[in-house]
Amino acid sequence: MHPDNLQAQQQFHIRQRIRMMVNQYEVHAVAPDGSEAGLLAFAQQKRLAFKEQVTIYTDDSKQQPLLGFKARQRLDIGATYDVTDHAGNPIGLFRKDFAQSLLRSTWHVEQPGLPQVTGQERSMPVALLRRFVDSLSWLPYHFDFVAGGQPVFSVIKKWGLRDRYVVQIHHPQVDRRLVIAMAIGLDALQGR
């Protein structure tokens, strides 16, 4: 998909594919009636990698990279993930706020030219249940990402056997590639 067409999207659906040795994600556009439309991107992450890295392709043939994100360090606690385009040029970054995430997961997203965006789980009771009752770790969660008190984007995990998300973008200048990377990162990295 051409970057201008991707940037025009206001909503995405992200669906995890169930595979044994890798995490795979499909990113779909949303049709006017709210249903899932065409494939925008396809992501793959190797499980148990020594240093986290996810490549996001234009489709599931994995022939043409669109973007990717990679941890700066091996230790996952409070790791920073650099997001780059297909040529390796920086788009932005995201990082987990380890201290705030002890009770309620919190992430920071940075894009040149925009203020820092902070995303946090919407519901403190759900956040606490997911942390302290292992059998409830499947509960859906909602993240709201804001900058200066204004909404930038949100990621809502839906009920289901496999992970599905609705991503809603509120800020016109936020790079959709960075939003896609953060949304996939929430699923791929959240449990660590």
Protein backbone atom coordinates (compact mmCIF):
# COMPACT_ATOMS: atom_id res chain seq x y z
CA MET A 1 0.00 0.00 0.00
CA HIS A 2 1.24 3.47 -0.85
CA PRO A 3 2.17 5.49 2.29
CA ASP A 4 -0.33 8.27 1.41
CA ASN A 5 -3.18 5.75 1.24
CA LEU A 6 -2.08 4.22 4.52
CA GLN A 7 -1.90 7.66 6.14
CA ALA A 8 -5.51 8.35 5.09
CA GLN A 9 -6.79 5.40 7.17
CA GLN A 10 -8.67 6.33 10.36
CA GLN A 11 -9.21 2.79 11.62
CA PHE A 12 -7.55 -0.63 11.36
CA HIS A 13 -8.46 -4.15 12.37
CA ILE A 14 -5.58 -6.32 13.54
CA ARG A 15 -5.97 -10.07 13.82
CA GLN A 16 -3.43 -12.56 15.15
CA ARG A 17 -2.91 -15.79 13.24
CA ILE A 18 -2.36 -18.84 15.40
CA ARG A 19 1.00 -20.48 14.58
CA MET A 20 3.36 -22.69 16.59
CA MET A 21 6.77 -20.99 16.28
CA VAL A 22 5.93 -17.42 15.25
CA ASN A 23 3.42 -14.71 16.02
CA GLN A 24 1.74 -13.45 12.86
CA TYR A 25 -0.61 -10.50 12.50
CA GLU A 26 -2.85 -9.27 9.69
CA VAL A 27 -3.63 -5.55 9.52
CA HIS A 28 -6.83 -4.80 7.62
CA ALA A 29 -8.53 -1.63 6.47
CA VAL A 30 -12.09 -1.07 7.65
CA ALA A 31 -15.03 -0.92 5.23
CA PRO A 32 -17.65 1.86 5.55
CA ASP A 33 -20.01 -0.59 7.29
CA GLY A 34 -17.34 -1.33 9.96
CA SER A 35 -16.44 -4.77 8.64
CA GLU A 36 -12.92 -5.94 7.85
CA ALA A 37 -11.71 -4.83 4.41
CA GLY A 38 -8.49 -5.40 2.43
CA LEU A 39 -5.14 -6.45 3.86
CA LEU A 40 -2.88 -3.45 4.54
CA ALA A 41 0.06 -5.19 6.19
CA PHE A 42 1.29 -8.51 7.54
CA ALA A 43 3.65 -8.89 10.51
CA GLN A 44 5.74 -11.75 11.80
CA GLN A 45 7.64 -12.12 15.08
CA LYS A 46 9.76 -15.10 16.06
CA ARG A 47 8.92 -16.34 19.54
CA LEU A 48 11.68 -16.56 22.13
CA ALA A 49 13.99 -14.30 20.14
CA PHE A 50 17.11 -13.14 21.98
CA LYS A 51 16.50 -9.55 20.90
CA GLU A 52 12.96 -8.61 19.92
CA GLN A 53 12.46 -7.72 16.26
CA VAL A 54 9.29 -7.63 14.19
CA THR A 55 9.12 -7.07 10.43
CA ILE A 56 5.88 -5.78 8.93
CA TYR A 57 5.35 -6.51 5.24
CA THR A 58 2.95 -5.18 2.61
CA ASP A 59 1.25 -8.63 2.46
CA ASP A 60 1.57 -12.23 3.64
CA SER A 61 3.92 -13.21 0.80
CA LYS A 62 6.59 -11.39 2.87
CA GLN A 63 8.31 -10.14 -0.29
CA GLN A 64 8.24 -6.40 0.43
CA PRO A 65 8.95 -4.97 3.91
CA LEU A 66 6.84 -1.95 4.90
CA LEU A 67 8.39 -1.21 8.29
CA GLY A 68 9.73 -2.89 11.37
CA PHE A 69 10.59 -2.42 14.99
CA LYS A 70 13.53 -3.68 17.00
CA ALA A 71 14.55 -3.54 20.66
CA ARG A 72 17.62 -1.46 21.41
CA GLN A 73 18.69 -3.81 24.17
CA ARG A 74 18.30 -7.47 25.04
CA LEU A 75 16.82 -6.95 28.49
CA ASP A 76 13.09 -6.42 28.06
CA ILE A 77 12.36 -4.39 31.21
CA GLY A 78 11.58 -0.90 29.99
CA ALA A 79 12.98 -1.67 26.54
CA THR A 80 12.91 0.95 23.80
CA TYR A 81 11.84 -0.16 20.32
CA ASP A 82 12.98 1.79 17.27
CA VAL A 83 10.48 1.85 14.40
CA THR A 84 11.94 2.19 10.91
CA ASP A 85 10.59 2.22 7.37
CA HIS A 86 11.44 -0.37 4.71
CA ALA A 87 14.79 1.31 4.01
CA GLY A 88 15.80 1.53 7.68
CA ASN A 89 14.98 5.23 8.08
CA PRO A 90 13.63 6.15 11.53
CA ILE A 91 9.87 6.73 11.90
CA GLY A 92 9.74 6.97 15.69
CA LEU A 93 9.99 4.81 18.77
CA PHE A 94 7.97 3.33 21.60
CA ARG A 95 8.96 2.17 25.06
CA LYS A 96 7.33 0.61 28.06
CA ASP A 97 7.24 2.60 31.29
CA PHE A 98 8.30 -0.19 33.65
CA ALA A 99 7.44 1.55 36.94
CA GLN A 100 3.94 2.66 35.89
CA SER A 101 3.32 -0.70 34.24
CA LEU A 102 3.54 -2.58 37.51
CA LEU A 103 -0.16 -1.87 38.10
CA ARG A 104 -1.39 -0.53 34.77
CA SER A 105 0.55 -1.03 31.53
CA THR A 106 1.91 2.25 30.20
CA TRP A 107 3.74 2.94 26.94
CA HIS A 108 5.33 6.08 25.50
CA VAL A 109 5.38 6.75 21.75
CA GLU A 110 7.59 9.36 20.10
CA GLN A 111 7.42 10.71 16.56
CA PRO A 112 9.52 13.65 15.33
CA GLY A 113 7.43 16.83 15.17
CA LEU A 114 4.76 15.62 17.60
CA PRO A 115 4.64 15.77 21.40
CA GLN A 116 5.29 12.55 23.33
CA VAL A 117 2.24 10.28 23.35
CA THR A 118 1.42 8.19 26.43
CA GLY A 119 -0.77 5.11 26.25
CA GLN A 120 -2.25 3.42 29.27
CA GLU A 121 -4.75 0.66 29.97
CA ARG A 122 -8.15 2.30 30.31
CA SER A 123 -9.47 0.13 33.16
CA MET A 124 -7.54 -0.21 36.40
CA PRO A 125 -9.73 -3.15 37.61
CA VAL A 126 -9.10 -5.11 34.38
CA ALA A 127 -5.38 -4.27 34.57
CA LEU A 128 -5.19 -5.59 38.13
CA LEU A 129 -7.17 -8.74 37.32
CA ARG A 130 -4.93 -9.52 34.34
CA ARG A 131 -1.83 -9.20 36.52
CA PHE A 132 -2.85 -11.02 39.65
CA VAL A 133 -5.21 -13.75 38.42
CA ASP A 134 -3.31 -15.82 35.82
CA SER A 135 -6.44 -17.53 34.53
CA LEU A 136 -7.85 -14.11 33.56
CA SER A 137 -4.88 -12.93 31.48
CA TRP A 138 -7.09 -13.37 28.36
CA LEU A 139 -9.39 -10.51 29.38
CA PRO A 140 -9.76 -7.85 26.68
CA TYR A 141 -7.97 -4.59 27.33
CA HIS A 142 -8.26 -1.07 25.99
CA PHE A 143 -5.41 1.39 25.59
CA ASP A 144 -5.90 5.10 25.14
CA PHE A 145 -2.92 7.04 23.75
CA VAL A 146 -2.96 10.77 24.48
CA ALA A 147 -0.70 13.80 24.11
CA GLY A 148 -1.36 16.96 26.10
CA GLY A 149 -4.72 15.57 27.22
CA GLN A 150 -5.87 15.08 23.61
CA PRO A 151 -6.60 11.62 22.14
CA VAL A 152 -4.12 10.44 19.50
CA PHE A 153 -5.20 6.81 18.97
CA SER A 154 -6.74 3.89 20.83
CA VAL A 155 -6.28 0.12 20.69
CA ILE A 156 -9.17 -2.07 21.79
CA LYS A 157 -8.74 -5.82 22.23
CA LYS A 158 -11.93 -7.72 21.34
CA TRP A 159 -13.33 -10.91 22.89
CA GLY A 160 -12.50 -14.08 20.99
CA LEU A 161 -10.43 -17.24 20.76
CA ARG A 162 -7.64 -15.42 18.97
CA ASP A 163 -6.44 -11.89 19.55
CA ARG A 164 -8.29 -9.24 17.56
CA TYR A 165 -7.96 -5.48 17.86
CA VAL A 166 -9.68 -2.35 16.61
CA VAL A 167 -7.34 0.60 16.26
CA GLN A 168 -8.94 4.05 16.04
CA ILE A 169 -6.81 7.05 15.02
CA HIS A 170 -7.83 10.51 16.26
CA HIS A 171 -4.79 12.65 15.38
CA PRO A 172 -4.26 13.32 11.66
CA GLN A 173 -0.47 13.77 11.85
CA VAL A 174 0.42 10.58 13.72
CA ASP A 175 2.24 8.23 11.36
CA ARG A 176 0.00 5.21 10.74
CA ARG A 177 3.08 2.98 10.45
CA LEU A 178 4.07 3.94 14.00
CA VAL A 179 0.51 3.24 15.19
CA ILE A 180 0.54 -0.20 13.52
CA ALA A 181 3.91 -1.01 15.12
CA MET A 182 2.68 0.03 18.58
CA ALA A 183 -0.59 -1.92 18.23
CA ILE A 184 1.24 -5.09 17.19
CA GLY A 185 3.78 -4.46 19.94
CA LEU A 186 1.00 -4.38 22.52
CA ASP A 187 0.08 -7.96 21.65
CA ALA A 188 3.57 -9.28 20.97
CA LEU A 189 5.27 -7.64 23.96
CA GLN A 190 2.53 -7.00 26.54
CA GLY A 191 2.91 -10.24 28.48
CA ARG A 192 6.61 -9.76 29.16
